[in-house]
Structures are given as C-alpha cells and as structure tokens.
PDB file of all heavy atoms in Angstrom:
ATOM      1  N   ASP A   1     -63.060 -54.863 -47.358  1.00  0.00           N
ATOM      2  CA  ASP A   1     -62.963 -53.401 -47.461  1.00  0.00           C
ATOM      3  C   ASP A   1     -62.155 -52.824 -46.309  1.00  0.00           C
ATOM      4  O   ASP A   1     -61.351 -51.892 -46.491  1.00  0.00           O
ATOM      5  CB  ASP A   1     -64.364 -52.779 -47.483  1.00  0.00           C
ATOM      6  CG  ASP A   1     -65.104 -53.071 -48.787  1.00  0.00           C
ATOM      7  OD1 ASP A   1     -64.442 -53.460 -49.759  1.00  0.00           O
ATOM      8  OD2 ASP A   1     -66.346 -52.920 -48.804  1.00  0.00           O
ATOM      9  N   GLY A   2     -62.343 -53.378 -45.124  1.00  0.00           N
ATOM     10  CA  GLY A   2     -61.588 -52.906 -43.959  1.00  0.00           C
ATOM     11  C   GLY A   2     -60.101 -53.192 -44.100  1.00  0.00           C
ATOM     12  O   GLY A   2     -59.260 -52.344 -43.785  1.00  0.00           O
ATOM     13  N   ILE A   3     -59.784 -54.393 -44.589  1.00  0.00           N
ATOM     14  CA  ILE A   3     -58.374 -54.745 -44.826  1.00  0.00           C
ATOM     15  C   ILE A   3     -57.768 -53.818 -45.877  1.00  0.00           C
ATOM     16  O   ILE A   3     -56.648 -53.328 -45.726  1.00  0.00           O
ATOM     17  CB  ILE A   3     -58.257 -56.220 -45.261  1.00  0.00           C
ATOM     18  CG1 ILE A   3     -58.645 -57.146 -44.105  1.00  0.00           C
ATOM     19  CG2 ILE A   3     -56.835 -56.527 -45.738  1.00  0.00           C
ATOM     20  CD1 ILE A   3     -58.778 -58.599 -44.507  1.00  0.00           C
ATOM     21  N   ASP A   4     -58.529 -53.547 -46.951  1.00  0.00           N
ATOM     22  CA  ASP A   4     -58.025 -52.663 -48.011  1.00  0.00           C
ATOM     23  C   ASP A   4     -57.730 -51.266 -47.480  1.00  0.00           C
ATOM     24  O   ASP A   4     -56.738 -50.635 -47.865  1.00  0.00           O
ATOM     25  CB  ASP A   4     -59.045 -52.577 -49.152  1.00  0.00           C
ATOM     26  CG  ASP A   4     -59.110 -53.852 -49.981  1.00  0.00           C
ATOM     27  OD1 ASP A   4     -58.190 -54.681 -49.846  1.00  0.00           O
ATOM     28  OD2 ASP A   4     -60.069 -54.011 -50.749  1.00  0.00           O
ATOM     29  N   ARG A   5     -58.592 -50.773 -46.580  1.00  0.00           N
ATOM     30  CA  ARG A   5     -58.352 -49.447 -45.993  1.00  0.00           C
ATOM     31  C   ARG A   5     -57.050 -49.432 -45.203  1.00  0.00           C
ATOM     32  O   ARG A   5     -56.259 -48.487 -45.297  1.00  0.00           O
ATOM     33  CB  ARG A   5     -59.527 -49.034 -45.099  1.00  0.00           C
ATOM     34  CG  ARG A   5     -60.737 -48.482 -45.849  1.00  0.00           C
ATOM     35  CD  ARG A   5     -61.722 -47.829 -44.895  1.00  0.00           C
ATOM     36  NE  ARG A   5     -62.281 -48.789 -43.945  1.00  0.00           N
ATOM     37  CZ  ARG A   5     -63.365 -49.520 -44.173  1.00  0.00           C
ATOM     38  NH1 ARG A   5     -64.011 -49.420 -45.324  1.00  0.00           N
ATOM     39  NH2 ARG A   5     -63.815 -50.357 -43.262  1.00  0.00           N
ATOM     40  N   ARG A   6     -56.819 -50.505 -44.428  1.00  0.00           N
ATOM     41  CA  ARG A   6     -55.589 -50.566 -43.627  1.00  0.00           C
ATOM     42  C   ARG A   6     -54.358 -50.668 -44.529  1.00  0.00           C
ATOM     43  O   ARG A   6     -53.332 -50.045 -44.264  1.00  0.00           O
ATOM     44  CB  ARG A   6     -55.648 -51.748 -42.650  1.00  0.00           C
ATOM     45  CG  ARG A   6     -56.723 -51.597 -41.572  1.00  0.00           C
ATOM     46  CD  ARG A   6     -56.458 -52.504 -40.384  1.00  0.00           C
ATOM     47  NE  ARG A   6     -56.530 -53.922 -40.720  1.00  0.00           N
ATOM     48  CZ  ARG A   6     -57.646 -54.635 -40.756  1.00  0.00           C
ATOM     49  NH1 ARG A   6     -58.812 -54.053 -40.487  1.00  0.00           N
ATOM     50  NH2 ARG A   6     -57.627 -55.923 -41.052  1.00  0.00           N
ATOM     51  N   ILE A   7     -54.475 -51.482 -45.615  1.00  0.00           N
ATOM     52  CA  ILE A   7     -53.363 -51.591 -46.556  1.00  0.00           C
ATOM     53  C   ILE A   7     -53.046 -50.235 -47.168  1.00  0.00           C
ATOM     54  O   ILE A   7     -51.885 -49.819 -47.261  1.00  0.00           O
ATOM     55  CB  ILE A   7     -53.686 -52.618 -47.668  1.00  0.00           C
ATOM     56  CG1 ILE A   7     -53.719 -54.030 -47.089  1.00  0.00           C
ATOM     57  CG2 ILE A   7     -52.660 -52.539 -48.803  1.00  0.00           C
ATOM     58  CD1 ILE A   7     -54.182 -55.090 -48.085  1.00  0.00           C
ATOM     59  N   GLN A   8     -54.096 -49.517 -47.568  1.00  0.00           N
ATOM     60  CA  GLN A   8     -53.890 -48.208 -48.190  1.00  0.00           C
ATOM     61  C   GLN A   8     -53.252 -47.225 -47.217  1.00  0.00           C
ATOM     62  O   GLN A   8     -52.359 -46.442 -47.586  1.00  0.00           O
ATOM     63  CB  GLN A   8     -55.230 -47.654 -48.692  1.00  0.00           C
ATOM     64  CG  GLN A   8     -55.091 -46.417 -49.564  1.00  0.00           C
ATOM     65  CD  GLN A   8     -56.408 -46.035 -50.226  1.00  0.00           C
ATOM     66  OE1 GLN A   8     -57.347 -46.825 -50.264  1.00  0.00           O
ATOM     67  NE2 GLN A   8     -56.477 -44.822 -50.741  1.00  0.00           N
ATOM     68  N   GLU A   9     -53.677 -47.267 -45.966  1.00  0.00           N
ATOM     69  CA  GLU A   9     -53.087 -46.385 -44.948  1.00  0.00           C
ATOM     70  C   GLU A   9     -51.602 -46.701 -44.765  1.00  0.00           C
ATOM     71  O   GLU A   9     -50.766 -45.793 -44.656  1.00  0.00           O
ATOM     72  CB  GLU A   9     -53.833 -46.548 -43.621  1.00  0.00           C
ATOM     73  CG  GLU A   9     -55.248 -45.964 -43.635  1.00  0.00           C
ATOM     74  CD  GLU A   9     -56.056 -46.382 -42.401  1.00  0.00           C
ATOM     75  OE1 GLU A   9     -55.497 -47.126 -41.568  1.00  0.00           O
ATOM     76  OE2 GLU A   9     -57.228 -45.986 -42.299  1.00  0.00           O
ATOM     77  N   LEU A  10     -51.267 -48.004 -44.751  1.00  0.00           N
ATOM     78  CA  LEU A  10     -49.871 -48.401 -44.553  1.00  0.00           C
ATOM     79  C   LEU A  10     -49.007 -48.026 -45.766  1.00  0.00           C
ATOM     80  O   LEU A  10     -47.851 -47.632 -45.607  1.00  0.00           O
ATOM     81  CB  LEU A  10     -49.792 -49.911 -44.286  1.00  0.00           C
ATOM     82  CG  LEU A  10     -50.355 -50.367 -42.932  1.00  0.00           C
ATOM     83  CD1 LEU A  10     -50.416 -51.886 -42.868  1.00  0.00           C
ATOM     84  CD2 LEU A  10     -49.503 -49.824 -41.785  1.00  0.00           C
ATOM     85  N   ILE A  11     -49.575 -48.148 -46.966  1.00  0.00           N
ATOM     86  CA  ILE A  11     -48.821 -47.739 -48.159  1.00  0.00           C
ATOM     87  C   ILE A  11     -48.533 -46.243 -48.108  1.00  0.00           C
ATOM     88  O   ILE A  11     -47.428 -45.785 -48.437  1.00  0.00           O
ATOM     89  CB  ILE A  11     -49.588 -48.111 -49.446  1.00  0.00           C
ATOM     90  CG1 ILE A  11     -49.603 -49.631 -49.630  1.00  0.00           C
ATOM     91  CG2 ILE A  11     -48.950 -47.437 -50.662  1.00  0.00           C
ATOM     92  CD1 ILE A  11     -50.451 -50.098 -50.801  1.00  0.00           C
ATOM     93  N   ALA A  12     -49.533 -45.460 -47.676  1.00  0.00           N
ATOM     94  CA  ALA A  12     -49.332 -44.008 -47.553  1.00  0.00           C
ATOM     95  C   ALA A  12     -48.241 -43.706 -46.528  1.00  0.00           C
ATOM     96  O   ALA A  12     -47.395 -42.818 -46.744  1.00  0.00           O
ATOM     97  CB  ALA A  12     -50.640 -43.333 -47.166  1.00  0.00           C
ATOM     98  N   GLN A  13     -48.249 -44.450 -45.407  1.00  0.00           N
ATOM     99  CA  GLN A  13     -47.200 -44.259 -44.395  1.00  0.00           C
ATOM    100  C   GLN A  13     -45.830 -44.602 -44.979  1.00  0.00           C
ATOM    101  O   GLN A  13     -44.847 -43.893 -44.748  1.00  0.00           O
ATOM    102  CB  GLN A  13     -47.479 -45.136 -43.175  1.00  0.00           C
ATOM    103  CG  GLN A  13     -48.648 -44.667 -42.319  1.00  0.00           C
ATOM    104  CD  GLN A  13     -48.842 -45.572 -41.110  1.00  0.00           C
ATOM    105  OE1 GLN A  13     -47.885 -46.151 -40.588  1.00  0.00           O
ATOM    106  NE2 GLN A  13     -50.087 -45.713 -40.675  1.00  0.00           N
ATOM    107  N   ARG A  14     -45.766 -45.698 -45.739  1.00  0.00           N
ATOM    108  CA  ARG A  14     -44.489 -46.102 -46.329  1.00  0.00           C
ATOM    109  C   ARG A  14     -43.989 -45.036 -47.300  1.00  0.00           C
ATOM    110  O   ARG A  14     -42.800 -44.714 -47.334  1.00  0.00           O
ATOM    111  CB  ARG A  14     -44.646 -47.436 -47.073  1.00  0.00           C
ATOM    112  CG  ARG A  14     -43.318 -48.059 -47.453  1.00  0.00           C
ATOM    113  CD  ARG A  14     -43.474 -49.179 -48.452  1.00  0.00           C
ATOM    114  NE  ARG A  14     -42.241 -49.940 -48.578  1.00  0.00           N
ATOM    115  CZ  ARG A  14     -41.152 -49.547 -49.231  1.00  0.00           C
ATOM    116  NH1 ARG A  14     -41.131 -48.348 -49.808  1.00  0.00           N
ATOM    117  NH2 ARG A  14     -40.078 -50.320 -49.295  1.00  0.00           N
ATOM    118  N   ALA A  15     -44.901 -44.474 -48.094  1.00  0.00           N
ATOM    119  CA  ALA A  15     -44.504 -43.427 -49.037  1.00  0.00           C
ATOM    120  C   ALA A  15     -43.970 -42.206 -48.292  1.00  0.00           C
ATOM    121  O   ALA A  15     -43.004 -41.569 -48.728  1.00  0.00           O
ATOM    122  CB  ALA A  15     -45.697 -43.038 -49.908  1.00  0.00           C
ATOM    123  N   GLY A  16     -44.576 -41.907 -47.137  1.00  0.00           N
ATOM    124  CA  GLY A  16     -44.097 -40.792 -46.333  1.00  0.00           C
ATOM    125  C   GLY A  16     -42.696 -41.032 -45.798  1.00  0.00           C
ATOM    126  O   GLY A  16     -41.842 -40.130 -45.830  1.00  0.00           O
ATOM    127  N   PHE A  17     -42.433 -42.260 -45.332  1.00  0.00           N
ATOM    128  CA  PHE A  17     -41.095 -42.584 -44.845  1.00  0.00           C
ATOM    129  C   PHE A  17     -40.076 -42.592 -45.987  1.00  0.00           C
ATOM    130  O   PHE A  17     -38.916 -42.229 -45.794  1.00  0.00           O
ATOM    131  CB  PHE A  17     -41.098 -43.939 -44.132  1.00  0.00           C
ATOM    132  CG  PHE A  17     -41.599 -43.869 -42.716  1.00  0.00           C
ATOM    133  CD1 PHE A  17     -42.791 -44.478 -42.348  1.00  0.00           C
ATOM    134  CD2 PHE A  17     -40.886 -43.182 -41.742  1.00  0.00           C
ATOM    135  CE1 PHE A  17     -43.258 -44.406 -41.051  1.00  0.00           C
ATOM    136  CE2 PHE A  17     -41.341 -43.107 -40.435  1.00  0.00           C
ATOM    137  CZ  PHE A  17     -42.532 -43.725 -40.083  1.00  0.00           C
ATOM    138  N   ALA A  18     -40.513 -43.014 -47.184  1.00  0.00           N
ATOM    139  CA  ALA A  18     -39.609 -42.990 -48.337  1.00  0.00           C
ATOM    140  C   ALA A  18     -39.169 -41.557 -48.644  1.00  0.00           C
ATOM    141  O   ALA A  18     -38.003 -41.315 -48.987  1.00  0.00           O
ATOM    142  CB  ALA A  18     -40.290 -43.609 -49.555  1.00  0.00           C
ATOM    143  N   LEU A  19     -40.090 -40.605 -48.504  1.00  0.00           N
ATOM    144  CA  LEU A  19     -39.718 -39.206 -48.692  1.00  0.00           C
ATOM    145  C   LEU A  19     -38.710 -38.761 -47.643  1.00  0.00           C
ATOM    146  O   LEU A  19     -37.787 -37.995 -47.929  1.00  0.00           O
ATOM    147  CB  LEU A  19     -40.969 -38.321 -48.625  1.00  0.00           C
ATOM    148  CG  LEU A  19     -41.812 -38.248 -49.904  1.00  0.00           C
ATOM    149  CD1 LEU A  19     -43.092 -37.456 -49.631  1.00  0.00           C
ATOM    150  CD2 LEU A  19     -41.033 -37.607 -51.036  1.00  0.00           C
ATOM    151  N   GLN A  20     -38.892 -39.248 -46.396  1.00  0.00           N
ATOM    152  CA  GLN A  20     -37.943 -38.892 -45.333  1.00  0.00           C
ATOM    153  C   GLN A  20     -36.552 -39.450 -45.643  1.00  0.00           C
ATOM    154  O   GLN A  20     -35.540 -38.807 -45.337  1.00  0.00           O
ATOM    155  CB  GLN A  20     -38.446 -39.420 -43.996  1.00  0.00           C
ATOM    156  CG  GLN A  20     -39.686 -38.700 -43.474  1.00  0.00           C
ATOM    157  CD  GLN A  20     -40.083 -39.178 -42.096  1.00  0.00           C
ATOM    158  OE1 GLN A  20     -39.230 -39.524 -41.277  1.00  0.00           O
ATOM    159  NE2 GLN A  20     -41.388 -39.214 -41.834  1.00  0.00           N
ATOM    160  N   VAL A  21     -36.513 -40.666 -46.218  1.00  0.00           N
ATOM    161  CA  VAL A  21     -35.220 -41.236 -46.606  1.00  0.00           C
ATOM    162  C   VAL A  21     -34.533 -40.332 -47.616  1.00  0.00           C
ATOM    163  O   VAL A  21     -33.338 -40.055 -47.541  1.00  0.00           O
ATOM    164  CB  VAL A  21     -35.403 -42.659 -47.188  1.00  0.00           C
ATOM    165  CG1 VAL A  21     -34.103 -43.142 -47.834  1.00  0.00           C
ATOM    166  CG2 VAL A  21     -35.841 -43.625 -46.110  1.00  0.00           C
ATOM    167  N   GLY A  22     -35.316 -39.821 -48.582  1.00  0.00           N
ATOM    168  CA  GLY A  22     -34.762 -38.908 -49.570  1.00  0.00           C
ATOM    169  C   GLY A  22     -34.216 -37.646 -48.932  1.00  0.00           C
ATOM    170  O   GLY A  22     -33.132 -37.165 -49.299  1.00  0.00           O
ATOM    171  N   LYS A  23     -34.957 -37.110 -47.954  1.00  0.00           N
ATOM    172  CA  LYS A  23     -34.485 -35.905 -47.264  1.00  0.00           C
ATOM    173  C   LYS A  23     -33.225 -36.193 -46.458  1.00  0.00           C
ATOM    174  O   LYS A  23     -32.316 -35.358 -46.374  1.00  0.00           O
ATOM    175  CB  LYS A  23     -35.587 -35.373 -46.350  1.00  0.00           C
ATOM    176  CG  LYS A  23     -36.790 -34.805 -47.111  1.00  0.00           C
ATOM    177  CD  LYS A  23     -37.888 -34.369 -46.157  1.00  0.00           C
ATOM    178  CE  LYS A  23     -39.101 -33.836 -46.917  1.00  0.00           C
ATOM    179  NZ  LYS A  23     -40.214 -33.469 -46.002  1.00  0.00           N
ATOM    180  N   ALA A  24     -33.171 -37.398 -45.854  1.00  0.00           N
ATOM    181  CA  ALA A  24     -31.994 -37.761 -45.060  1.00  0.00           C
ATOM    182  C   ALA A  24     -30.742 -37.856 -45.922  1.00  0.00           C
ATOM    183  O   ALA A  24     -29.626 -37.596 -45.460  1.00  0.00           O
ATOM    184  CB  ALA A  24     -32.236 -39.094 -44.347  1.00  0.00           C
ATOM    185  N   LYS A  25     -30.931 -38.229 -47.207  1.00  0.00           N
ATOM    186  CA  LYS A  25     -29.784 -38.321 -48.116  1.00  0.00           C
ATOM    187  C   LYS A  25     -29.329 -36.954 -48.604  1.00  0.00           C
ATOM    188  O   LYS A  25     -28.274 -36.826 -49.212  1.00  0.00           O
ATOM    189  CB  LYS A  25     -30.147 -39.205 -49.318  1.00  0.00           C
ATOM    190  CG  LYS A  25     -30.316 -40.678 -48.966  1.00  0.00           C
ATOM    191  CD  LYS A  25     -30.689 -41.485 -50.196  1.00  0.00           C
ATOM    192  CE  LYS A  25     -30.833 -42.953 -49.859  1.00  0.00           C
ATOM    193  NZ  LYS A  25     -31.238 -43.757 -51.037  1.00  0.00           N
ATOM    194  N   GLY A  26     -30.152 -35.934 -48.373  1.00  0.00           N
ATOM    195  CA  GLY A  26     -29.783 -34.588 -48.800  1.00  0.00           C
ATOM    196  C   GLY A  26     -30.248 -34.301 -50.211  1.00  0.00           C
ATOM    197  O   GLY A  26     -30.885 -35.125 -50.870  1.00  0.00           O
ATOM    198  N   THR A  27     -29.937 -33.131 -50.674  1.00  0.00           N
ATOM    199  CA  THR A  27     -30.314 -32.719 -52.025  1.00  0.00           C
ATOM    200  C   THR A  27     -29.352 -33.344 -53.020  1.00  0.00           C
ATOM    201  O   THR A  27     -28.184 -32.979 -53.098  1.00  0.00           O
ATOM    202  CB  THR A  27     -30.285 -31.186 -52.155  1.00  0.00           C
ATOM    203  OG1 THR A  27     -31.121 -30.615 -51.153  1.00  0.00           O
ATOM    204  CG2 THR A  27     -30.771 -30.768 -53.530  1.00  0.00           C
ATOM    205  N   LEU A  28     -29.862 -34.306 -53.774  1.00  0.00           N
ATOM    206  CA  LEU A  28     -29.028 -35.018 -54.733  1.00  0.00           C
ATOM    207  C   LEU A  28     -29.359 -34.561 -56.152  1.00  0.00           C
ATOM    208  O   LEU A  28     -30.351 -33.871 -56.395  1.00  0.00           O
ATOM    209  CB  LEU A  28     -29.227 -36.521 -54.586  1.00  0.00           C
ATOM    210  CG  LEU A  28     -28.889 -37.073 -53.184  1.00  0.00           C
ATOM    211  CD1 LEU A  28     -29.196 -38.544 -53.110  1.00  0.00           C
ATOM    212  CD2 LEU A  28     -27.425 -36.827 -52.835  1.00  0.00           C
ATOM    213  N   ALA A  29     -28.541 -34.975 -57.084  1.00  0.00           N
ATOM    214  CA  ALA A  29     -28.636 -34.437 -58.437  1.00  0.00           C
ATOM    215  C   ALA A  29     -29.834 -34.958 -59.219  1.00  0.00           C
ATOM    216  O   ALA A  29     -30.475 -34.226 -59.948  1.00  0.00           O
ATOM    217  CB  ALA A  29     -27.348 -34.753 -59.195  1.00  0.00           C
ATOM    218  N   ALA A  30     -30.146 -36.253 -59.106  1.00  0.00           N
ATOM    219  CA  ALA A  30     -31.182 -36.830 -59.952  1.00  0.00           C
ATOM    220  C   ALA A  30     -31.745 -38.078 -59.291  1.00  0.00           C
ATOM    221  O   ALA A  30     -31.266 -38.522 -58.243  1.00  0.00           O
ATOM    222  CB  ALA A  30     -30.600 -37.168 -61.329  1.00  0.00           C
ATOM    223  N   ALA A  31     -32.780 -38.667 -59.939  1.00  0.00           N
ATOM    224  CA  ALA A  31     -33.438 -39.846 -59.385  1.00  0.00           C
ATOM    225  C   ALA A  31     -32.460 -40.992 -59.170  1.00  0.00           C
ATOM    226  O   ALA A  31     -32.573 -41.747 -58.202  1.00  0.00           O
ATOM    227  CB  ALA A  31     -34.565 -40.291 -60.317  1.00  0.00           C
ATOM    228  N   VAL A  32     -31.482 -41.128 -60.065  1.00  0.00           N
ATOM    229  CA  VAL A  32     -30.532 -42.224 -59.966  1.00  0.00           C
ATOM    230  C   VAL A  32     -29.747 -42.173 -58.655  1.00  0.00           C
ATOM    231  O   VAL A  32     -29.299 -43.207 -58.142  1.00  0.00           O
ATOM    232  CB  VAL A  32     -29.576 -42.212 -61.188  1.00  0.00           C
ATOM    233  CG1 VAL A  32     -28.694 -40.966 -61.178  1.00  0.00           C
ATOM    234  CG2 VAL A  32     -28.735 -43.463 -61.244  1.00  0.00           C
ATOM    235  N   ASP A  33     -29.585 -40.975 -58.083  1.00  0.00           N
ATOM    236  CA  ASP A  33     -28.835 -40.845 -56.833  1.00  0.00           C
ATOM    237  C   ASP A  33     -29.623 -41.372 -55.631  1.00  0.00           C
ATOM    238  O   ASP A  33     -29.039 -41.644 -54.583  1.00  0.00           O
ATOM    239  CB  ASP A  33     -28.465 -39.381 -56.597  1.00  0.00           C
ATOM    240  CG  ASP A  33     -27.556 -38.845 -57.696  1.00  0.00           C
ATOM    241  OD1 ASP A  33     -26.554 -39.508 -57.997  1.00  0.00           O
ATOM    242  OD2 ASP A  33     -27.868 -37.777 -58.254  1.00  0.00           O
ATOM    243  N   TYR A  34     -30.946 -41.500 -55.780  1.00  0.00           N
ATOM    244  CA  TYR A  34     -31.770 -42.022 -54.690  1.00  0.00           C
ATOM    245  C   TYR A  34     -31.939 -43.538 -54.764  1.00  0.00           C
ATOM    246  O   TYR A  34     -32.314 -44.174 -53.786  1.00  0.00           O
ATOM    247  CB  TYR A  34     -33.166 -41.376 -54.716  1.00  0.00           C
ATOM    248  CG  TYR A  34     -33.167 -39.892 -54.421  1.00  0.00           C
ATOM    249  CD1 TYR A  34     -33.168 -38.957 -55.447  1.00  0.00           C
ATOM    250  CD2 TYR A  34     -33.166 -39.428 -53.110  1.00  0.00           C
ATOM    251  CE1 TYR A  34     -33.166 -37.601 -55.185  1.00  0.00           C
ATOM    252  CE2 TYR A  34     -33.165 -38.070 -52.834  1.00  0.00           C
ATOM    253  CZ  TYR A  34     -33.167 -37.157 -53.882  1.00  0.00           C
ATOM    254  OH  TYR A  34     -33.161 -35.816 -53.612  1.00  0.00           O
ATOM    255  N   TYR A  35     -31.672 -44.097 -55.931  1.00  0.00           N
ATOM    256  CA  TYR A  35     -31.941 -45.525 -56.150  1.00  0.00           C
ATOM    257  C   TYR A  35     -30.811 -46.379 -55.592  1.00  0.00           C
ATOM    258  O   TYR A  35     -29.643 -46.156 -55.893  1.00  0.00           O
ATOM    259  CB  TYR A  35     -32.101 -45.784 -57.647  1.00  0.00           C
ATOM    260  CG  TYR A  35     -32.359 -47.231 -57.992  1.00  0.00           C
ATOM    261  CD1 TYR A  35     -33.529 -47.869 -57.600  1.00  0.00           C
ATOM    262  CD2 TYR A  35     -31.426 -47.960 -58.736  1.00  0.00           C
ATOM    263  CE1 TYR A  35     -33.768 -49.193 -57.929  1.00  0.00           C
ATOM    264  CE2 TYR A  35     -31.661 -49.283 -59.075  1.00  0.00           C
ATOM    265  CZ  TYR A  35     -32.834 -49.896 -58.667  1.00  0.00           C
ATOM    266  OH  TYR A  35     -33.061 -51.211 -58.997  1.00  0.00           O
ATOM    267  N   ARG A  36     -31.169 -47.383 -54.783  1.00  0.00           N
ATOM    268  CA  ARG A  36     -30.184 -48.285 -54.203  1.00  0.00           C
ATOM    269  C   ARG A  36     -30.611 -49.728 -54.472  1.00  0.00           C
ATOM    270  O   ARG A  36     -31.423 -50.294 -53.753  1.00  0.00           O
ATOM    271  CB  ARG A  36     -30.049 -48.038 -52.697  1.00  0.00           C
ATOM    272  CG  ARG A  36     -29.280 -46.770 -52.361  1.00  0.00           C
ATOM    273  CD  ARG A  36     -27.828 -46.908 -52.770  1.00  0.00           C
ATOM    274  NE  ARG A  36     -27.063 -45.680 -52.603  1.00  0.00           N
ATOM    275  CZ  ARG A  36     -26.868 -44.766 -53.524  1.00  0.00           C
ATOM    276  NH1 ARG A  36     -27.424 -44.919 -54.719  1.00  0.00           N
ATOM    277  NH2 ARG A  36     -26.148 -43.703 -53.307  1.00  0.00           N
ATOM    278  N   PRO A  37     -30.077 -50.349 -55.529  1.00  0.00           N
ATOM    279  CA  PRO A  37     -30.505 -51.710 -55.879  1.00  0.00           C
ATOM    280  C   PRO A  37     -30.209 -52.738 -54.801  1.00  0.00           C
ATOM    281  O   PRO A  37     -30.954 -53.703 -54.641  1.00  0.00           O
ATOM    282  CB  PRO A  37     -29.717 -52.005 -57.163  1.00  0.00           C
ATOM    283  CG  PRO A  37     -28.601 -51.020 -57.186  1.00  0.00           C
ATOM    284  CD  PRO A  37     -29.098 -49.812 -56.470  1.00  0.00           C
ATOM    285  N   GLU A  38     -29.122 -52.534 -54.035  1.00  0.00           N
ATOM    286  CA  GLU A  38     -28.803 -53.507 -52.984  1.00  0.00           C
ATOM    287  C   GLU A  38     -29.849 -53.487 -51.880  1.00  0.00           C
ATOM    288  O   GLU A  38     -30.246 -54.539 -51.343  1.00  0.00           O
ATOM    289  CB  GLU A  38     -27.395 -53.269 -52.424  1.00  0.00           C
ATOM    290  CG  GLU A  38     -27.232 -52.092 -51.457  1.00  0.00           C
ATOM    291  CD  GLU A  38     -27.170 -50.740 -52.138  1.00  0.00           C
ATOM    292  OE1 GLU A  38     -27.310 -50.674 -53.378  1.00  0.00           O
ATOM    293  OE2 GLU A  38     -26.979 -49.735 -51.425  1.00  0.00           O
ATOM    294  N   ARG A  39     -30.340 -52.304 -51.524  1.00  0.00           N
ATOM    295  CA  ARG A  39     -31.385 -52.188 -50.501  1.00  0.00           C
ATOM    296  C   ARG A  39     -32.698 -52.783 -51.016  1.00  0.00           C
ATOM    297  O   ARG A  39     -33.404 -53.482 -50.294  1.00  0.00           O
ATOM    298  CB  ARG A  39     -31.567 -50.712 -50.120  1.00  0.00           C
ATOM    299  CG  ARG A  39     -32.774 -50.411 -49.251  1.00  0.00           C
ATOM    300  CD  ARG A  39     -32.752 -51.155 -47.935  1.00  0.00           C
ATOM    301  NE  ARG A  39     -33.939 -50.864 -47.140  1.00  0.00           N
ATOM    302  CZ  ARG A  39     -34.386 -51.613 -46.138  1.00  0.00           C
ATOM    303  NH1 ARG A  39     -33.734 -52.726 -45.808  1.00  0.00           N
ATOM    304  NH2 ARG A  39     -35.464 -51.274 -45.470  1.00  0.00           N
ATOM    305  N   GLU A  40     -33.021 -52.515 -52.282  1.00  0.00           N
ATOM    306  CA  GLU A  40     -34.244 -53.058 -52.871  1.00  0.00           C
ATOM    307  C   GLU A  40     -34.215 -54.585 -52.866  1.00  0.00           C
ATOM    308  O   GLU A  40     -35.217 -55.235 -52.551  1.00  0.00           O
ATOM    309  CB  GLU A  40     -34.400 -52.530 -54.296  1.00  0.00           C
ATOM    310  CG  GLU A  40     -35.757 -52.793 -54.903  1.00  0.00           C
ATOM    311  CD  GLU A  40     -35.945 -52.044 -56.208  1.00  0.00           C
ATOM    312  OE1 GLU A  40     -36.360 -50.875 -56.167  1.00  0.00           O
ATOM    313  OE2 GLU A  40     -35.673 -52.643 -57.267  1.00  0.00           O
ATOM    314  N   ALA A  41     -33.081 -55.163 -53.209  1.00  0.00           N
ATOM    315  CA  ALA A  41     -32.945 -56.623 -53.218  1.00  0.00           C
ATOM    316  C   ALA A  41     -33.130 -57.189 -51.814  1.00  0.00           C
ATOM    317  O   ALA A  41     -33.765 -58.237 -51.630  1.00  0.00           O
ATOM    318  CB  ALA A  41     -31.580 -57.022 -53.778  1.00  0.00           C
ATOM    319  N   GLN A  42     -32.580 -56.519 -50.804  1.00  0.00           N
ATOM    320  CA  GLN A  42     -32.738 -56.977 -49.425  1.00  0.00           C
ATOM    321  C   GLN A  42     -34.207 -56.974 -49.002  1.00  0.00           C
ATOM    322  O   GLN A  42     -34.690 -57.923 -48.373  1.00  0.00           O
ATOM    323  CB  GLN A  42     -31.914 -56.096 -48.484  1.00  0.00           C
ATOM    324  CG  GLN A  42     -30.408 -56.262 -48.637  1.00  0.00           C
ATOM    325  CD  GLN A  42     -29.617 -55.152 -47.971  1.00  0.00           C
ATOM    326  OE1 GLN A  42     -30.179 -54.173 -47.483  1.00  0.00           O
ATOM    327  NE2 GLN A  42     -28.295 -55.279 -47.966  1.00  0.00           N
TER     328      GLN A  42
END
C-alpha cells in the first residue's frame, strides 16, 4: 500500500510536468500537435 501511494504520487507529478510541456509548446491547434512519436519511442 505504501509503494502504491508513492507510485500514485509520482504519476500525478508526471502528469503535472506533461501539462507544463504542453504549455511550453504554446497554444497549438489540436492534440496531434502535442504528440511526438520519436520522444515516446525514446
């Protein structure tokens, strides 16, 4: 249970940073503009 809590906290942190990445890219037209398959593969 303790490990699960830490995992959940880290996932929430990652989701927060993912939003920051979106903001750093600026206001884009659609979801496809945020998707980067090369980064995902890495």
